Amino acid sequence: MKCPVKCSWHNQAVALTGSSGSGKSTVAEIFKRLGAETISADQLAGRALAQHSPGLAEVVKYFGSGVVHPDGSLNRAELGRIIFADKEKRAILEQFTHPIIAYLAEAEAERRLAGNPPLLVYDCPLLFETGLDRLGFQEIVVVVAEQELCISRIMRRDGLSDGEARNRLAAQFPVEEKQRRAGIVIDNSGTPAELELQVKKIYSELVQRNKS
């Protein structure tokens, strides 16, 4: 994984993305189990908006006190309801959070790469929506699944209605566009065992590339 010349950490990482409900986080967990170092943009976003953080203070200033619980922690359900109903407000939130997430990602990547892992995976749901796909990742892997399956997973996972789940998907890039831009596509419409086999094969191929 060592770069012979000074380069961005993105050149030493594989980007993993996929629409909500596709099972991207499950794929990230399989990669991790196989030996990859994984960084989650969602977890970094949680740190960016942690209780009493400057990032959360900016969000509260714009969106109001309703987006935090009485203890001062972020009310993710309420913030999600607001931003997925209003594209402009979603863009405002991204202006607050994305620079912080980028800073945290760089620090985390440098720390992980110091251990020379067989593979570094950046798990980023909004890779294409935010233009991060243009940063020069080694490879882009997109996880896809049938739309109705994604919707049922979102409803079950987040406790949302059918309409709310469809709004979440509609706020993201069309899956066809994601597949067109990605180098590797993982189809998670089947069984867990079928998914595991796909990810194992792809992991082996990516690790071999890094060795060559």
C-alpha atoms as a PDB file:
ATOM      1  CA  MET A   1       0.000   0.000   0.000  1.00  0.00           C
ATOM      2  CA  LYS A   2       3.006   2.326   0.125  1.00  0.00           C
ATOM      3  CA  CYS A   3       3.114   5.071  -2.466  1.00  0.00           C
ATOM      4  CA  PRO A   4       6.575   5.573  -4.086  1.00  0.00           C
ATOM      5  CA  VAL A   5       5.953   9.298  -4.414  1.00  0.00           C
ATOM      6  CA  LYS A   6       4.082  11.765  -2.255  1.00  0.00           C
ATOM      7  CA  CYS A   7       0.381  11.475  -3.110  1.00  0.00           C
ATOM      8  CA  SER A   8      -3.059  12.021  -1.702  1.00  0.00           C
ATOM      9  CA  TRP A   9      -4.394   9.315   0.596  1.00  0.00           C
ATOM     10  CA  HIS A  10      -7.217   8.749  -1.901  1.00  0.00           C
ATOM     11  CA  ASN A  11      -4.706   7.190  -4.305  1.00  0.00           C
ATOM     12  CA  GLN A  12      -4.090   4.509  -1.707  1.00  0.00           C
ATOM     13  CA  ALA A  13      -7.727   3.699  -0.931  1.00  0.00           C
ATOM     14  CA  VAL A  14     -10.746   2.018  -2.464  1.00  0.00           C
ATOM     15  CA  ALA A  15     -14.016   3.943  -2.290  1.00  0.00           C
ATOM     16  CA  LEU A  16     -17.113   1.976  -1.350  1.00  0.00           C
ATOM     17  CA  THR A  17     -20.536   3.462  -1.996  1.00  0.00           C
ATOM     18  CA  GLY A  18     -24.141   2.559  -2.723  1.00  0.00           C
ATOM     19  CA  SER A  19     -27.681   3.807  -2.387  1.00  0.00           C
ATOM     20  CA  SER A  20     -29.452   3.720   0.950  1.00  0.00           C
ATOM     21  CA  GLY A  21     -30.682   0.218   1.698  1.00  0.00           C
ATOM     22  CA  SER A  22     -28.299  -1.440  -0.758  1.00  0.00           C
ATOM     23  CA  GLY A  23     -26.307  -3.140   1.997  1.00  0.00           C
ATOM     24  CA  LYS A  24     -23.136  -1.095   1.643  1.00  0.00           C
ATOM     25  CA  SER A  25     -22.403  -1.212   5.376  1.00  0.00           C
ATOM     26  CA  THR A  26     -22.684  -5.002   5.314  1.00  0.00           C
ATOM     27  CA  VAL A  27     -20.144  -5.110   2.490  1.00  0.00           C
ATOM     28  CA  ALA A  28     -17.840  -2.828   4.483  1.00  0.00           C
ATOM     29  CA  GLU A  29     -18.069  -5.217   7.439  1.00  0.00           C
ATOM     30  CA  ILE A  30     -17.144  -8.173   5.215  1.00  0.00           C
ATOM     31  CA  PHE A  31     -14.140  -6.273   3.842  1.00  0.00           C
ATOM     32  CA  LYS A  32     -13.085  -5.515   7.410  1.00  0.00           C
ATOM     33  CA  ARG A  33     -13.465  -9.142   8.467  1.00  0.00           C
ATOM     34  CA  LEU A  34     -11.311 -10.221   5.527  1.00  0.00           C
ATOM     35  CA  GLY A  35      -8.472  -7.944   6.658  1.00  0.00           C
ATOM     36  CA  ALA A  36      -9.111  -4.498   5.182  1.00  0.00           C
ATOM     37  CA  GLU A  37      -8.894  -1.285   7.150  1.00  0.00           C
ATOM     38  CA  THR A  38     -12.211   0.540   6.781  1.00  0.00           C
ATOM     39  CA  ILE A  39     -13.125   4.169   7.376  1.00  0.00           C
ATOM     40  CA  SER A  40     -16.805   5.099   7.617  1.00  0.00           C
ATOM     41  CA  ALA A  41     -17.868   8.551   6.427  1.00  0.00           C
ATOM     42  CA  ASP A  42     -21.073   8.113   8.458  1.00  0.00           C
ATOM     43  CA  GLN A  43     -19.060   7.598  11.637  1.00  0.00           C
ATOM     44  CA  LEU A  44     -16.943  10.631  10.817  1.00  0.00           C
ATOM     45  CA  ALA A  45     -20.149  12.624  10.302  1.00  0.00           C
ATOM     46  CA  GLY A  46     -21.204  11.525  13.768  1.00  0.00           C
ATOM     47  CA  ARG A  47     -17.955  12.908  15.160  1.00  0.00           C
ATOM     48  CA  ALA A  48     -18.417  16.129  13.174  1.00  0.00           C
ATOM     49  CA  LEU A  49     -21.801  16.628  14.851  1.00  0.00           C
ATOM     50  CA  ALA A  50     -20.942  15.224  18.256  1.00  0.00           C
ATOM     51  CA  GLN A  51     -22.532  16.619  21.389  1.00  0.00           C
ATOM     52  CA  HIS A  52     -21.149  20.102  22.239  1.00  0.00           C
ATOM     53  CA  SER A  53     -19.036  20.185  19.041  1.00  0.00           C
ATOM     54  CA  PRO A  54     -18.618  23.387  16.959  1.00  0.00           C
ATOM     55  CA  GLY A  55     -20.184  21.572  14.016  1.00  0.00           C
ATOM     56  CA  LEU A  56     -23.348  20.754  15.932  1.00  0.00           C
ATOM     57  CA  ALA A  57     -23.513  24.328  17.243  1.00  0.00           C
ATOM     58  CA  GLU A  58     -23.577  25.596  13.636  1.00  0.00           C
ATOM     59  CA  VAL A  59     -26.318  23.131  12.719  1.00  0.00           C
ATOM     60  CA  VAL A  60     -28.448  24.169  15.689  1.00  0.00           C
ATOM     61  CA  LYS A  61     -27.929  27.822  14.827  1.00  0.00           C
ATOM     62  CA  TYR A  62     -29.371  27.253  11.356  1.00  0.00           C
ATOM     63  CA  PHE A  63     -31.918  24.471  11.865  1.00  0.00           C
ATOM     64  CA  GLY A  64     -33.092  25.326  15.367  1.00  0.00           C
ATOM     65  CA  SER A  65     -33.087  23.574  18.738  1.00  0.00           C
ATOM     66  CA  GLY A  66     -35.496  20.915  17.468  1.00  0.00           C
ATOM     67  CA  VAL A  67     -32.600  19.014  15.893  1.00  0.00           C
ATOM     68  CA  VAL A  68     -31.085  18.171  19.277  1.00  0.00           C
ATOM     69  CA  HIS A  69     -32.334  16.055  22.164  1.00  0.00           C
ATOM     70  CA  PRO A  70     -32.790  17.581  25.640  1.00  0.00           C
ATOM     71  CA  ASP A  71     -29.287  16.371  26.565  1.00  0.00           C
ATOM     72  CA  GLY A  72     -27.793  18.350  23.669  1.00  0.00           C
ATOM     73  CA  SER A  73     -27.034  15.394  21.396  1.00  0.00           C
ATOM     74  CA  LEU A  74     -28.094  15.363  17.748  1.00  0.00           C
ATOM     75  CA  ASN A  75     -31.640  14.248  16.954  1.00  0.00           C
ATOM     76  CA  ARG A  76     -30.804  12.414  13.744  1.00  0.00           C
ATOM     77  CA  ALA A  77     -34.382  11.465  12.979  1.00  0.00           C
ATOM     78  CA  GLU A  78     -35.564  15.081  13.101  1.00  0.00           C
ATOM     79  CA  LEU A  79     -32.611  16.421  11.124  1.00  0.00           C
ATOM     80  CA  GLY A  80     -33.143  13.704   8.525  1.00  0.00           C
ATOM     81  CA  ARG A  81     -36.826  14.583   8.236  1.00  0.00           C
ATOM     82  CA  ILE A  82     -35.901  18.209   7.508  1.00  0.00           C
ATOM     83  CA  ILE A  83     -33.091  17.731   5.008  1.00  0.00           C
ATOM     84  CA  PHE A  84     -34.698  14.960   2.974  1.00  0.00           C
ATOM     85  CA  ALA A  85     -37.764  17.134   2.486  1.00  0.00           C
ATOM     86  CA  ASP A  86     -35.792  20.185   1.323  1.00  0.00           C
ATOM     87  CA  LYS A  87     -32.888  19.999  -1.125  1.00  0.00           C
ATOM     88  CA  GLU A  88     -31.604  23.484  -0.229  1.00  0.00           C
ATOM     89  CA  LYS A  89     -31.481  22.688   3.483  1.00  0.00           C
ATOM     90  CA  ARG A  90     -29.664  19.462   2.713  1.00  0.00           C
ATOM     91  CA  ALA A  91     -27.053  21.477   0.804  1.00  0.00           C
ATOM     92  CA  ILE A  92     -26.665  23.844   3.768  1.00  0.00           C
ATOM     93  CA  LEU A  93     -26.018  20.917   6.092  1.00  0.00           C
ATOM     94  CA  GLU A  94     -23.386  19.582   3.704  1.00  0.00           C
ATOM     95  CA  GLN A  95     -21.635  22.961   3.723  1.00  0.00           C
ATOM     96  CA  PHE A  96     -21.333  22.661   7.507  1.00  0.00           C
ATOM     97  CA  THR A  97     -20.265  19.053   7.714  1.00  0.00           C
ATOM     98  CA  HIS A  98     -18.273  18.064   4.624  1.00  0.00           C
ATOM     99  CA  PRO A  99     -15.134  20.139   5.347  1.00  0.00           C
ATOM    100  CA  ILE A 100     -14.997  18.660   8.853  1.00  0.00           C
ATOM    101  CA  ILE A 101     -15.519  15.122   7.543  1.00  0.00           C
ATOM    102  CA  ALA A 102     -12.775  15.623   4.939  1.00  0.00           C
ATOM    103  CA  TYR A 103     -10.352  16.765   7.658  1.00  0.00           C
ATOM    104  CA  LEU A 104     -11.204  13.817   9.890  1.00  0.00           C
ATOM    105  CA  ALA A 105     -10.955  11.364   6.966  1.00  0.00           C
ATOM    106  CA  GLU A 106      -7.469  12.538   6.056  1.00  0.00           C
ATOM    107  CA  ALA A 107      -6.227  12.148   9.630  1.00  0.00           C
ATOM    108  CA  GLU A 108      -7.829   8.718   9.955  1.00  0.00           C
ATOM    109  CA  ALA A 109      -6.455   7.547   6.600  1.00  0.00           C
ATOM    110  CA  GLU A 110      -2.920   8.603   7.472  1.00  0.00           C
ATOM    111  CA  ARG A 111      -3.172   6.716  10.751  1.00  0.00           C
ATOM    112  CA  ARG A 112      -4.475   3.540   9.082  1.00  0.00           C
ATOM    113  CA  LEU A 113      -1.987   3.650   6.200  1.00  0.00           C
ATOM    114  CA  ALA A 114       0.900   3.857   8.648  1.00  0.00           C
ATOM    115  CA  GLY A 115       0.204   0.204   9.412  1.00  0.00           C
ATOM    116  CA  ASN A 116       0.560  -0.726   5.714  1.00  0.00           C
ATOM    117  CA  PRO A 117      -2.759  -2.632   5.493  1.00  0.00           C
ATOM    118  CA  PRO A 118      -3.535  -4.992   2.589  1.00  0.00           C
ATOM    119  CA  LEU A 119      -6.462  -2.730   1.653  1.00  0.00           C
ATOM    120  CA  LEU A 120      -7.903   0.588   2.820  1.00  0.00           C
ATOM    121  CA  VAL A 121     -11.630   1.055   2.169  1.00  0.00           C
ATOM    122  CA  TYR A 122     -13.420   4.398   2.488  1.00  0.00           C
ATOM    123  CA  ASP A 123     -17.117   3.705   3.075  1.00  0.00           C
ATOM    124  CA  CYS A 124     -18.836   6.832   1.714  1.00  0.00           C
ATOM    125  CA  PRO A 125     -22.606   6.844   0.977  1.00  0.00           C
ATOM    126  CA  LEU A 126     -22.573  10.184  -0.887  1.00  0.00           C
ATOM    127  CA  LEU A 127     -19.398   9.648  -2.888  1.00  0.00           C
ATOM    128  CA  PHE A 128     -20.873  10.712  -6.235  1.00  0.00           C
ATOM    129  CA  GLU A 129     -23.307  13.271  -4.849  1.00  0.00           C
ATOM    130  CA  THR A 130     -20.455  15.218  -3.247  1.00  0.00           C
ATOM    131  CA  GLY A 131     -17.978  14.837  -6.117  1.00  0.00           C
ATOM    132  CA  LEU A 132     -15.505  12.779  -4.084  1.00  0.00           C
ATOM    133  CA  ASP A 133     -15.317  10.231  -6.889  1.00  0.00           C
ATOM    134  CA  ARG A 134     -13.039  12.686  -8.720  1.00  0.00           C
ATOM    135  CA  LEU A 135     -10.330  12.598  -6.030  1.00  0.00           C
ATOM    136  CA  GLY A 136      -8.404   9.699  -7.569  1.00  0.00           C
ATOM    137  CA  PHE A 137      -9.341   6.600  -5.583  1.00  0.00           C
ATOM    138  CA  GLN A 138      -7.644   3.369  -6.612  1.00  0.00           C
ATOM    139  CA  GLU A 139     -11.037   1.893  -7.385  1.00  0.00           C
ATOM    140  CA  ILE A 140     -14.709   2.694  -6.857  1.00  0.00           C
ATOM    141  CA  VAL A 141     -16.962  -0.138  -5.701  1.00  0.00           C
ATOM    142  CA  VAL A 142     -20.720   0.402  -5.751  1.00  0.00           C
ATOM    143  CA  VAL A 143     -23.236  -1.859  -4.002  1.00  0.00           C
ATOM    144  CA  VAL A 144     -26.641  -2.168  -5.667  1.00  0.00           C
ATOM    145  CA  ALA A 145     -29.904  -3.942  -4.956  1.00  0.00           C
ATOM    146  CA  GLU A 146     -33.407  -3.982  -6.392  1.00  0.00           C
ATOM    147  CA  GLN A 147     -35.249  -0.745  -5.563  1.00  0.00           C
ATOM    148  CA  GLU A 148     -38.157  -2.334  -3.697  1.00  0.00           C
ATOM    149  CA  LEU A 149     -35.702  -4.336  -1.630  1.00  0.00           C
ATOM    150  CA  CYS A 150     -33.796  -1.155  -0.750  1.00  0.00           C
ATOM    151  CA  ILE A 151     -37.045   0.543   0.254  1.00  0.00           C
ATOM    152  CA  SER A 152     -38.093  -2.316   2.529  1.00  0.00           C
ATOM    153  CA  ARG A 153     -34.645  -2.327   4.161  1.00  0.00           C
ATOM    154  CA  ILE A 154     -34.752   1.442   4.773  1.00  0.00           C
ATOM    155  CA  MET A 155     -38.230   1.213   6.292  1.00  0.00           C
ATOM    156  CA  ARG A 156     -37.186  -1.632   8.596  1.00  0.00           C
ATOM    157  CA  ARG A 157     -33.819  -0.102   9.541  1.00  0.00           C
ATOM    158  CA  ASP A 158     -34.909   3.495  10.137  1.00  0.00           C
ATOM    159  CA  GLY A 159     -38.565   3.079  11.056  1.00  0.00           C
ATOM    160  CA  LEU A 160     -39.703   5.178   8.087  1.00  0.00           C
ATOM    161  CA  SER A 161     -42.872   5.078   6.023  1.00  0.00           C
ATOM    162  CA  ASP A 162     -42.848   3.906   2.421  1.00  0.00           C
ATOM    163  CA  GLY A 163     -42.996   7.517   1.201  1.00  0.00           C
ATOM    164  CA  GLU A 164     -40.154   8.645   3.462  1.00  0.00           C
ATOM    165  CA  ALA A 165     -37.988   5.754   2.314  1.00  0.00           C
ATOM    166  CA  ARG A 166     -38.642   6.617  -1.323  1.00  0.00           C
ATOM    167  CA  ASN A 167     -37.693  10.253  -0.624  1.00  0.00           C
ATOM    168  CA  ARG A 168     -34.364   9.068   0.777  1.00  0.00           C
ATOM    169  CA  LEU A 169     -33.607   7.180  -2.419  1.00  0.00           C
ATOM    170  CA  ALA A 170     -34.828  10.022  -4.639  1.00  0.00           C
ATOM    171  CA  ALA A 171     -32.379  12.401  -2.918  1.00  0.00           C
ATOM    172  CA  GLN A 172     -29.434  10.298  -4.133  1.00  0.00           C
ATOM    173  CA  PHE A 173     -27.922   9.705  -7.556  1.00  0.00           C
ATOM    174  CA  PRO A 174     -29.817   7.163  -9.691  1.00  0.00           C
ATOM    175  CA  VAL A 175     -28.360   3.709  -9.222  1.00  0.00           C
ATOM    176  CA  GLU A 176     -27.788   3.400 -12.976  1.00  0.00           C
ATOM    177  CA  GLU A 177     -25.493   6.440 -12.884  1.00  0.00           C
ATOM    178  CA  LYS A 178     -23.579   5.029  -9.938  1.00  0.00           C
ATOM    179  CA  GLN A 179     -23.017   1.772 -11.773  1.00  0.00           C
ATOM    180  CA  ARG A 180     -21.823   3.641 -14.854  1.00  0.00           C
ATOM    181  CA  ARG A 181     -19.217   5.567 -12.856  1.00  0.00           C
ATOM    182  CA  ALA A 182     -18.014   2.655 -10.740  1.00  0.00           C
ATOM    183  CA  GLY A 183     -15.276   0.227 -11.668  1.00  0.00           C
ATOM    184  CA  ILE A 184     -16.765  -2.657  -9.672  1.00  0.00           C
ATOM    185  CA  VAL A 185     -20.440  -3.417  -8.994  1.00  0.00           C
ATOM    186  CA  ILE A 186     -21.638  -5.711  -6.208  1.00  0.00           C
ATOM    187  CA  ASP A 187     -25.236  -6.935  -6.487  1.00  0.00           C
ATOM    188  CA  ASN A 188     -26.791  -7.419  -3.053  1.00  0.00           C
ATOM    189  CA  SER A 189     -30.220  -8.564  -4.198  1.00  0.00           C
ATOM    190  CA  GLY A 190     -29.524 -12.187  -3.295  1.00  0.00           C
ATOM    191  CA  THR A 191     -28.657 -14.146  -0.164  1.00  0.00           C
ATOM    192  CA  PRO A 192     -26.019 -13.246   2.456  1.00  0.00           C
ATOM    193  CA  ALA A 193     -23.965 -16.226   1.276  1.00  0.00           C
ATOM    194  CA  GLU A 194     -24.007 -14.966  -2.319  1.00  0.00           C
ATOM    195  CA  LEU A 195     -22.930 -11.519  -1.142  1.00  0.00           C
ATOM    196  CA  GLU A 196     -20.090 -12.991   0.903  1.00  0.00           C
ATOM    197  CA  LEU A 197     -18.741 -14.871  -2.122  1.00  0.00           C
ATOM    198  CA  GLN A 198     -18.798 -11.735  -4.273  1.00  0.00           C
ATOM    199  CA  VAL A 199     -16.977  -9.647  -1.681  1.00  0.00           C
ATOM    200  CA  LYS A 200     -14.330 -12.301  -1.022  1.00  0.00           C
ATOM    201  CA  LYS A 201     -13.531 -12.513  -4.724  1.00  0.00           C
ATOM    202  CA  ILE A 202     -13.327  -8.733  -5.102  1.00  0.00           C
ATOM    203  CA  TYR A 203     -11.212  -8.390  -1.956  1.00  0.00           C
ATOM    204  CA  SER A 204      -8.691 -10.906  -3.299  1.00  0.00           C
ATOM    205  CA  GLU A 205      -8.510  -9.121  -6.647  1.00  0.00           C
ATOM    206  CA  LEU A 206      -7.981  -5.702  -5.027  1.00  0.00           C
ATOM    207  CA  VAL A 207      -5.288  -6.992  -2.675  1.00  0.00           C
ATOM    208  CA  GLN A 208      -3.487  -8.626  -5.585  1.00  0.00           C
ATOM    209  CA  ARG A 209      -3.502  -5.323  -7.461  1.00  0.00           C
ATOM    210  CA  ASN A 210      -1.831  -3.624  -4.520  1.00  0.00           C
ATOM    211  CA  LYS A 211       0.893  -6.270  -4.436  1.00  0.00           C
ATOM    212  CA  SER A 212       1.708  -5.951  -8.139  1.00  0.00           C
END
